[in-house]
Amino acid sequence: MNVLVVGGAGYVGGAVVDELIDRHIGVTVFDNLLYEEVYRKDVPFAYGDIRDHVVLSPLLNKADAVIWLAALVGDQACQRYPDLAVAINQEPLKWLGECYCGRIIFTSTCSVYGDETLVCTEDTPPNPLSVYAETKLAAERYLEESESIIFRLGTLYGVGDYFSRIRLDLVVNAMTVKAHEDGKIAIYGGEQFRPLLHVKDAAHAIVSAVSCDECGVFNLHKQNVRIKDLAAQIRNHYPNAAMQVESQKLSDKRNYAVSSEKARATLGFMPVRSIDSGIEQIKELLASCRLKDTRNPRFSNGKFLPMHAAAELEKFNGSDLDR
């Protein structure tokens, strides 16, 4: 079997590729190295833009399955570049659903639920509150008639592999960095829920789906946690850190908890990595000085894209990628 991992050089992709290697599944990575300068993993690699069908089509023709991770990720980045978000997150999936006949594993987001007081199942009507969630939901709908399994991922945390860029703008990772470096944990609101999932547990589920026959939408998370309770949990690892509640009005209105019972019952989904283990992973990186500068914009999608990546992405808009 040969699996094409589109976006395989990223935070999730690093863990996915390692999982495929561990299972002795053939893997090819396709990526534009938006956040990277090099790609050194010992697997076949193709450089390119997901909108360039001429480059991508031959790779898809050789693949028994495609794991599609590539996206403009995060509310802040997509809000700033909405047309680009549609062009990257949404339209390539329309083409994929129409042109590729193999197995598709697509990663969406639990953010499609927006603000919901009840625990969300896959049948809960979506209520996207951001461009990012809107484009992911549109991509899901493009894949409805294909041989696809769609994973709505909870908010990820932890270390996925020891090569790819770690994301420090995700809530568990970000709050751990603040506790370690600033000695305080800022809480914005605090009552809002997030479903959390370790990035390696996400990778395990994604790779397991390559060889199963199930299709449709599945939520993936390990634990629903209120932000203020997460802050208290991180403080257990940093007992001297101060808890600081910020009173300004929240711009992020998302508040949702989810059920992953469908994935557990149908796919045997069983995440094993705790939030505490993820906190300890980040803490160890920081304590051993393995992250030279946590304020480097490279570790945050919302900070990096306006400074470095937008021009790189937008340069394709004026070219004929669909040659």
Protein backbone atom coordinates (compact mmCIF):
# COMPACT_ATOMS: atom_id res chain seq x y z
CA MET A 1 0.00 0.00 0.00
CA ASN A 2 1.14 3.54 -0.74
CA VAL A 3 -0.29 6.50 1.15
CA LEU A 4 0.11 10.10 0.04
CA VAL A 5 0.21 12.50 2.99
CA VAL A 6 -0.69 15.97 1.75
CA GLY A 7 0.67 18.43 4.27
CA GLY A 8 2.91 15.76 5.77
CA ALA A 9 5.60 18.17 6.98
CA GLY A 10 3.36 19.90 9.52
CA TYR A 11 2.50 19.46 13.20
CA VAL A 12 -0.01 16.66 12.61
CA GLY A 13 1.81 15.39 9.54
CA GLY A 14 4.99 14.66 11.47
CA ALA A 15 3.13 12.32 13.81
CA VAL A 16 1.15 10.76 10.94
CA VAL A 17 4.27 9.99 8.89
CA ASP A 18 5.99 8.40 11.88
CA GLU A 19 2.92 6.26 12.52
CA LEU A 20 2.89 5.10 8.89
CA ILE A 21 6.60 4.28 9.06
CA ASP A 22 6.11 2.33 12.30
CA ARG A 23 3.39 0.28 10.61
CA HIS A 24 5.58 -0.35 7.53
CA ILE A 25 3.10 1.38 5.24
CA GLY A 26 4.54 3.05 2.15
CA VAL A 27 4.34 6.84 2.45
CA THR A 28 4.98 9.83 0.21
CA VAL A 29 4.86 13.36 1.60
CA PHE A 30 3.59 16.30 -0.45
CA ASP A 31 4.13 19.72 1.12
CA ASN A 32 5.05 23.32 0.31
CA LEU A 33 7.26 23.63 3.42
CA LEU A 34 5.47 26.77 4.47
CA TYR A 35 6.94 26.69 7.97
CA GLU A 36 10.06 24.65 7.22
CA GLU A 37 13.38 25.24 5.49
CA VAL A 38 14.19 21.58 4.90
CA TYR A 39 12.50 18.17 4.96
CA ARG A 40 14.87 15.42 6.09
CA LYS A 41 12.66 12.45 6.98
CA ASP A 42 13.69 9.34 5.10
CA VAL A 43 10.55 9.02 2.98
CA PRO A 44 9.77 10.04 -0.62
CA PHE A 45 9.00 13.76 -0.75
CA ALA A 46 7.43 16.03 -3.36
CA TYR A 47 7.42 19.79 -3.07
CA GLY A 48 4.44 21.73 -4.36
CA ASP A 49 1.24 23.68 -3.84
CA ILE A 50 -2.04 21.81 -3.36
CA ARG A 51 -3.65 24.00 -6.02
CA ASP A 52 -1.20 22.77 -8.64
CA HIS A 53 -3.10 19.84 -10.09
CA VAL A 54 -0.39 19.09 -12.65
CA VAL A 55 2.08 18.28 -9.87
CA LEU A 56 -0.39 16.62 -7.51
CA SER A 57 -2.33 14.42 -9.95
CA PRO A 58 0.48 11.94 -10.76
CA LEU A 59 1.11 11.42 -7.06
CA LEU A 60 -2.57 10.75 -6.42
CA ASN A 61 -2.66 8.30 -9.32
CA LYS A 62 0.01 6.21 -7.57
CA ALA A 63 -1.63 6.36 -4.14
CA ASP A 64 -4.00 3.79 -2.70
CA ALA A 65 -5.11 6.35 -0.14
CA VAL A 66 -4.57 10.03 0.58
CA ILE A 67 -4.39 11.64 4.01
CA TRP A 68 -5.24 15.30 3.46
CA LEU A 69 -3.86 17.52 6.23
CA ALA A 70 -2.89 20.62 4.23
CA ALA A 71 -4.77 23.76 5.22
CA LEU A 72 -4.53 27.38 6.21
CA VAL A 73 -5.11 26.59 9.88
CA GLY A 74 -6.60 28.73 12.61
CA ASP A 75 -9.18 31.45 13.05
CA GLN A 76 -6.76 34.35 13.10
CA ALA A 77 -4.96 33.47 9.87
CA CYS A 78 -8.15 32.65 7.96
CA GLN A 79 -9.93 35.79 9.15
CA ARG A 80 -7.06 37.90 7.85
CA TYR A 81 -6.95 36.13 4.48
CA PRO A 82 -10.50 34.85 3.80
CA ASP A 83 -10.11 34.47 0.02
CA LEU A 84 -6.90 32.55 0.54
CA ALA A 85 -8.61 30.35 3.13
CA VAL A 86 -11.28 29.40 0.58
CA ALA A 87 -8.64 28.75 -2.08
CA ILE A 88 -6.59 26.49 0.20
CA ASN A 89 -9.01 24.89 2.66
CA GLN A 90 -12.04 24.47 0.47
CA GLU A 91 -11.62 24.43 -3.30
CA PRO A 92 -8.89 21.73 -3.52
CA LEU A 93 -11.22 19.33 -1.74
CA LYS A 94 -13.89 19.88 -4.38
CA TRP A 95 -11.38 18.87 -7.02
CA LEU A 96 -10.17 15.92 -4.93
CA GLY A 97 -13.69 14.59 -4.40
CA GLU A 98 -14.40 14.76 -8.11
CA CYS A 99 -11.09 13.43 -9.44
CA TYR A 100 -9.75 10.88 -6.95
CA CYS A 101 -11.33 7.45 -6.58
CA GLY A 102 -9.21 6.06 -3.76
CA ARG A 103 -9.55 6.24 -0.01
CA ILE A 104 -9.59 9.79 1.42
CA ILE A 105 -8.88 10.63 5.05
CA PHE A 106 -9.63 14.30 5.67
CA THR A 107 -9.03 16.27 8.85
CA SER A 108 -11.68 18.83 9.72
CA THR A 109 -12.28 20.55 13.05
CA CYS A 110 -14.71 20.50 15.96
CA SER A 111 -14.77 24.29 15.55
CA VAL A 112 -17.63 23.74 13.10
CA TYR A 113 -19.92 23.46 16.16
CA GLY A 114 -19.19 27.05 17.21
CA ASP A 115 -21.15 27.86 20.36
CA GLU A 116 -23.28 24.99 21.65
CA THR A 117 -24.59 24.34 25.15
CA LEU A 118 -25.24 20.63 24.58
CA VAL A 119 -22.57 18.01 23.96
CA CYS A 120 -22.12 17.86 20.19
CA THR A 121 -22.47 14.64 18.24
CA GLU A 122 -21.92 14.30 14.52
CA ASP A 123 -25.64 14.95 14.08
CA THR A 124 -25.52 18.32 15.87
CA PRO A 125 -26.19 21.08 13.31
CA PRO A 126 -22.93 22.92 12.63
CA ASN A 127 -22.67 26.55 13.65
CA PRO A 128 -19.34 27.81 12.28
CA LEU A 129 -18.30 31.14 13.78
CA SER A 130 -15.12 31.70 11.78
CA VAL A 131 -13.83 31.62 8.22
CA TYR A 132 -11.65 28.67 9.19
CA ALA A 133 -14.63 26.62 10.37
CA GLU A 134 -16.73 27.68 7.38
CA THR A 135 -14.12 26.54 4.88
CA LYS A 136 -13.57 23.24 6.66
CA LEU A 137 -17.30 22.56 6.70
CA ALA A 138 -17.58 23.37 2.99
CA ALA A 139 -14.70 20.95 2.29
CA GLU A 140 -16.51 18.23 4.24
CA ARG A 141 -19.56 18.65 2.02
CA TYR A 142 -17.48 18.36 -1.14
CA LEU A 143 -16.36 14.91 0.03
CA GLU A 144 -19.79 13.52 0.94
CA GLU A 145 -20.10 11.42 -2.22
CA SER A 146 -16.53 10.11 -2.22
CA GLU A 147 -14.88 7.24 -0.35
CA SER A 148 -13.97 9.53 2.50
CA ILE A 149 -13.70 9.46 6.24
CA ILE A 150 -13.74 12.88 7.88
CA PHE A 151 -12.30 13.49 11.31
CA ARG A 152 -13.45 16.55 13.23
CA LEU A 153 -10.46 16.96 15.49
CA GLY A 154 -10.57 18.48 18.94
CA THR A 155 -7.91 21.03 19.92
CA LEU A 156 -4.58 19.24 19.73
CA TYR A 157 -1.72 19.38 22.21
CA GLY A 158 1.62 17.79 22.98
CA VAL A 159 4.63 16.77 20.91
CA GLY A 160 3.91 14.83 17.73
CA ASP A 161 7.43 14.08 16.56
CA TYR A 162 10.94 15.46 16.96
CA PHE A 163 11.33 16.96 13.52
CA SER A 164 8.30 19.02 12.52
CA ARG A 165 7.48 22.46 13.88
CA ILE A 166 5.64 22.33 17.17
CA ARG A 167 2.64 24.62 17.53
CA LEU A 168 2.71 26.84 20.58
CA ASP A 169 -0.53 28.65 19.74
CA LEU A 170 -2.75 25.74 20.82
CA VAL A 171 -4.32 26.20 24.22
CA VAL A 172 -2.57 23.48 26.26
CA ASN A 173 0.83 24.16 24.72
CA ALA A 174 0.41 27.95 24.88
CA MET A 175 -0.68 28.03 28.53
CA THR A 176 2.15 25.71 29.51
CA VAL A 177 4.69 28.03 27.86
CA LYS A 178 3.21 31.03 29.70
CA ALA A 179 3.35 29.24 33.03
CA HIS A 180 6.94 28.20 32.47
CA GLU A 181 8.33 31.44 31.09
CA ASP A 182 6.15 34.15 32.63
CA GLY A 183 5.17 32.50 35.89
CA LYS A 184 1.51 33.20 35.27
CA ILE A 185 -1.43 31.68 33.45
CA ALA A 186 -3.79 34.13 31.79
CA ILE A 187 -7.42 33.02 31.53
CA TYR A 188 -9.71 34.71 29.04
CA GLY A 189 -13.27 33.99 30.11
CA GLY A 190 -12.70 30.56 31.53
CA GLU A 191 -16.15 29.00 31.37
CA GLN A 192 -15.84 27.97 27.71
CA PHE A 193 -15.28 24.30 26.89
CA ARG A 194 -12.82 22.78 24.46
CA PRO A 195 -12.47 19.13 23.44
CA LEU A 196 -8.79 18.19 23.71
CA LEU A 197 -6.75 15.47 22.00
CA HIS A 198 -3.05 14.59 21.94
CA VAL A 199 -1.57 14.98 18.47
CA LYS A 200 -0.19 11.42 18.51
CA ASP A 201 -3.61 9.99 19.38
CA ALA A 202 -5.00 11.93 16.42
CA ALA A 203 -2.28 10.48 14.19
CA HIS A 204 -3.02 6.95 15.37
CA ALA A 205 -6.71 7.33 14.47
CA ILE A 206 -5.91 8.90 11.10
CA VAL A 207 -3.54 6.12 10.07
CA SER A 208 -5.87 3.40 11.37
CA ALA A 209 -8.56 4.74 9.04
CA VAL A 210 -6.44 4.02 5.96
CA SER A 211 -7.26 0.31 6.08
CA CYS A 212 -10.86 0.41 7.34
CA ASP A 213 -13.99 0.65 5.21
CA GLU A 214 -15.94 3.18 7.25
CA CYS A 215 -16.92 6.50 5.71
CA GLY A 216 -18.59 9.63 7.05
CA VAL A 217 -17.92 12.14 9.80
CA PHE A 218 -16.41 11.31 13.19
CA ASN A 219 -15.57 13.53 16.16
CA LEU A 220 -12.19 12.79 17.76
CA HIS A 221 -11.31 13.97 21.26
CA LYS A 222 -10.17 12.57 24.58
CA GLN A 223 -11.58 15.00 27.14
CA ASN A 224 -13.84 18.05 27.26
CA VAL A 225 -12.29 20.66 29.54
CA ARG A 226 -13.28 24.13 30.69
CA ILE A 227 -10.50 26.62 30.11
CA LYS A 228 -10.34 27.62 33.79
CA ASP A 229 -10.05 23.95 34.79
CA LEU A 230 -7.29 23.45 32.24
CA ALA A 231 -5.44 26.41 33.76
CA ALA A 232 -5.73 24.81 37.20
CA GLN A 233 -4.42 21.53 35.79
CA ILE A 234 -1.39 23.27 34.31
CA ARG A 235 -0.82 25.01 37.62
CA ASN A 236 -0.43 21.59 39.22
CA HIS A 237 2.77 21.32 37.17
CA TYR A 238 3.79 24.91 38.04
CA PRO A 239 2.54 25.47 41.61
CA ASN A 240 4.15 28.91 41.84
CA ALA A 241 2.43 30.24 38.71
CA ALA A 242 -0.16 32.95 39.28
CA MET A 243 -3.68 32.61 37.85
CA GLN A 244 -4.65 35.80 36.04
CA VAL A 245 -8.24 36.26 34.84
CA GLU A 246 -8.50 38.74 31.97
CA SER A 247 -11.72 40.73 31.99
CA GLN A 248 -11.72 42.12 28.47
CA LYS A 249 -14.47 41.08 26.11
CA LEU A 250 -13.75 37.81 24.34
CA SER A 251 -13.39 37.98 20.56
CA ASP A 252 -13.48 34.18 20.32
CA LYS A 253 -17.08 33.10 20.98
CA ARG A 254 -16.49 29.37 20.60
CA ASN A 255 -17.75 27.13 23.37
CA TYR A 256 -18.34 23.48 22.64
CA ALA A 257 -17.95 20.02 24.09
CA VAL A 258 -18.20 16.94 21.91
CA SER A 259 -18.92 13.23 22.04
CA SER A 260 -16.58 10.78 20.30
CA GLU A 261 -18.76 7.78 21.07
CA LYS A 262 -19.41 7.12 17.37
CA ALA A 263 -15.66 6.79 16.73
CA ARG A 264 -15.23 4.60 19.80
CA ALA A 265 -18.07 2.26 18.84
CA THR A 266 -17.41 2.12 15.09
CA LEU A 267 -13.65 2.55 14.76
CA GLY A 268 -12.41 1.38 18.13
CA PHE A 269 -11.00 4.84 18.78
CA MET A 270 -9.32 4.85 22.18
CA PRO A 271 -6.98 7.78 22.90
CA VAL A 272 -4.42 6.93 25.55
CA ARG A 273 -2.36 10.09 26.14
CA SER A 274 -3.48 12.35 28.97
CA ILE A 275 -3.48 16.12 29.10
CA ASP A 276 -0.93 15.89 31.91
CA SER A 277 1.41 13.91 29.65
CA GLY A 278 1.15 16.63 27.02
CA ILE A 279 1.88 19.33 29.58
CA GLU A 280 4.94 17.38 30.74
CA GLN A 281 6.19 17.01 27.17
CA ILE A 282 6.13 20.78 26.65
CA LYS A 283 7.58 21.38 30.10
CA GLU A 284 10.50 19.04 29.37
CA LEU A 285 11.26 20.80 26.08
CA LEU A 286 11.32 24.13 27.88
CA ALA A 287 13.27 22.95 30.91
CA SER A 288 15.96 21.37 28.73
CA CYS A 289 16.20 24.52 26.56
CA ARG A 290 15.34 22.57 23.41
CA LEU A 291 13.12 25.43 22.23
CA LYS A 292 15.50 28.33 21.73
CA ASP A 293 12.91 31.08 21.37
CA THR A 294 9.26 30.29 22.10
CA ARG A 295 8.29 33.78 20.92
CA ASN A 296 9.51 33.03 17.41
CA PRO A 297 6.48 33.68 15.16
CA ARG A 298 7.17 30.37 13.42
CA PHE A 299 5.48 28.56 16.29
CA SER A 300 2.20 30.49 15.88
CA ASN A 301 0.12 30.36 12.70
CA GLY A 302 -1.57 33.67 13.39
CA LYS A 303 1.74 35.48 13.93
CA PHE A 304 3.79 33.79 11.23
CA LEU A 305 1.43 34.10 8.27
CA PRO A 306 1.14 37.90 8.21
CA MET A 307 4.91 38.31 8.56
CA HIS A 308 6.29 35.63 6.27
CA ALA A 309 3.90 33.23 4.63
CA ALA A 310 1.16 35.34 3.03
CA ALA A 311 3.33 36.46 0.14
CA GLU A 312 4.52 32.89 -0.40
CA LEU A 313 0.93 31.66 -0.57
CA GLU A 314 -0.47 34.55 -2.58
CA LYS A 315 2.22 34.34 -5.26
CA PHE A 316 0.30 31.40 -6.67
CA ASN A 317 -2.88 33.44 -7.12
CA GLY A 318 -1.55 35.19 -10.18
CA SER A 319 -0.16 32.03 -11.81
CA ASP A 320 -1.89 29.33 -13.79
CA LEU A 321 -1.68 26.43 -11.38
CA ASP A 322 -4.29 24.40 -13.24
CA ARG A 323 -2.15 24.25 -16.38
